[in-house]
Amino acid sequence: MDGKILDENPKQMEVDNIWLQKQIKDQGYKNPKEILLGLCDDNKTLTLFRNIV
């Protein structure tokens, strides 16, 4: 992610930006720029890694 949501990736996982924004918020992030990398598995479990700057 590196703070930017790549439009192709949510489509490949068959999720939309609303789902992604909710996941980000539910995991305690206020802004995608706080995230270095996000990984989503086949069960639609999103793992986010904080951007340490």
C-alpha atoms as a PDB file:
ATOM      1  CA  MET A   1       0.000   0.000   0.000  1.00  0.00           C
ATOM      2  CA  ASP A   2       2.640   2.535   1.010  1.00  0.00           C
ATOM      3  CA  GLY A   3      -0.203   4.955   1.697  1.00  0.00           C
ATOM      4  CA  LYS A   4      -1.787   4.421  -1.718  1.00  0.00           C
ATOM      5  CA  ILE A   5      -4.606   2.033  -2.460  1.00  0.00           C
ATOM      6  CA  LEU A   6      -4.022   0.249  -5.743  1.00  0.00           C
ATOM      7  CA  ASP A   7      -7.363   0.040  -7.551  1.00  0.00           C
ATOM      8  CA  GLU A   8      -6.614  -3.343  -9.136  1.00  0.00           C
ATOM      9  CA  ASN A   9      -5.965  -5.220  -5.894  1.00  0.00           C
ATOM     10  CA  PRO A  10      -9.385  -4.838  -4.195  1.00  0.00           C
ATOM     11  CA  LYS A  11     -11.039  -5.836  -7.481  1.00  0.00           C
ATOM     12  CA  GLN A  12      -8.938  -9.011  -7.635  1.00  0.00           C
ATOM     13  CA  MET A  13     -10.061  -9.913  -4.108  1.00  0.00           C
ATOM     14  CA  GLU A  14     -13.683  -9.108  -5.004  1.00  0.00           C
ATOM     15  CA  VAL A  15     -14.009  -6.383  -2.373  1.00  0.00           C
ATOM     16  CA  ASP A  16     -14.788  -2.698  -2.793  1.00  0.00           C
ATOM     17  CA  ASN A  17     -13.223   0.454  -1.385  1.00  0.00           C
ATOM     18  CA  ILE A  18     -15.970   0.749   1.250  1.00  0.00           C
ATOM     19  CA  TRP A  19     -15.000  -2.686   2.630  1.00  0.00           C
ATOM     20  CA  LEU A  20     -11.320  -1.729   2.515  1.00  0.00           C
ATOM     21  CA  GLN A  21     -11.862   1.619   4.272  1.00  0.00           C
ATOM     22  CA  LYS A  22     -13.880  -0.143   6.996  1.00  0.00           C
ATOM     23  CA  GLN A  23     -11.126  -2.704   7.524  1.00  0.00           C
ATOM     24  CA  ILE A  24      -8.525   0.062   7.782  1.00  0.00           C
ATOM     25  CA  LYS A  25     -10.642   1.961  10.328  1.00  0.00           C
ATOM     26  CA  ASP A  26     -11.514  -1.188  12.304  1.00  0.00           C
ATOM     27  CA  GLN A  27      -7.805  -1.947  12.664  1.00  0.00           C
ATOM     28  CA  GLY A  28      -7.179   1.479  14.197  1.00  0.00           C
ATOM     29  CA  TYR A  29      -5.792   3.418  11.257  1.00  0.00           C
ATOM     30  CA  LYS A  30      -7.112   6.888  10.547  1.00  0.00           C
ATOM     31  CA  ASN A  31      -5.454   7.305   7.170  1.00  0.00           C
ATOM     32  CA  PRO A  32      -4.085   4.862   4.563  1.00  0.00           C
ATOM     33  CA  LYS A  33      -0.808   6.815   4.637  1.00  0.00           C
ATOM     34  CA  GLU A  34      -0.171   5.205   8.038  1.00  0.00           C
ATOM     35  CA  ILE A  35       0.068   1.836   6.277  1.00  0.00           C
ATOM     36  CA  LEU A  36       3.194   0.530   4.594  1.00  0.00           C
ATOM     37  CA  LEU A  37       1.704  -2.704   3.270  1.00  0.00           C
ATOM     38  CA  GLY A  38      -1.598  -4.511   3.293  1.00  0.00           C
ATOM     39  CA  LEU A  39      -2.050  -8.194   2.526  1.00  0.00           C
ATOM     40  CA  CYS A  40      -5.357  -9.949   2.003  1.00  0.00           C
ATOM     41  CA  ASP A  41      -5.685 -13.739   1.948  1.00  0.00           C
ATOM     42  CA  ASP A  42      -8.280 -15.920   0.210  1.00  0.00           C
ATOM     43  CA  ASN A  43     -10.551 -15.692   3.284  1.00  0.00           C
ATOM     44  CA  LYS A  44     -10.566 -11.900   2.950  1.00  0.00           C
ATOM     45  CA  THR A  45      -8.506 -11.481   6.113  1.00  0.00           C
ATOM     46  CA  LEU A  46      -6.640  -8.197   5.780  1.00  0.00           C
ATOM     47  CA  THR A  47      -3.280  -7.837   7.505  1.00  0.00           C
ATOM     48  CA  LEU A  48      -1.898  -4.314   7.679  1.00  0.00           C
ATOM     49  CA  PHE A  49       1.660  -3.254   8.469  1.00  0.00           C
ATOM     50  CA  ARG A  50       2.251   0.182   9.941  1.00  0.00           C
ATOM     51  CA  ASN A  51       4.458   2.652   8.119  1.00  0.00           C
ATOM     52  CA  ILE A  52       7.280   3.462  10.538  1.00  0.00           C
ATOM     53  CA  VAL A  53       8.581   6.895   9.609  1.00  0.00           C
END
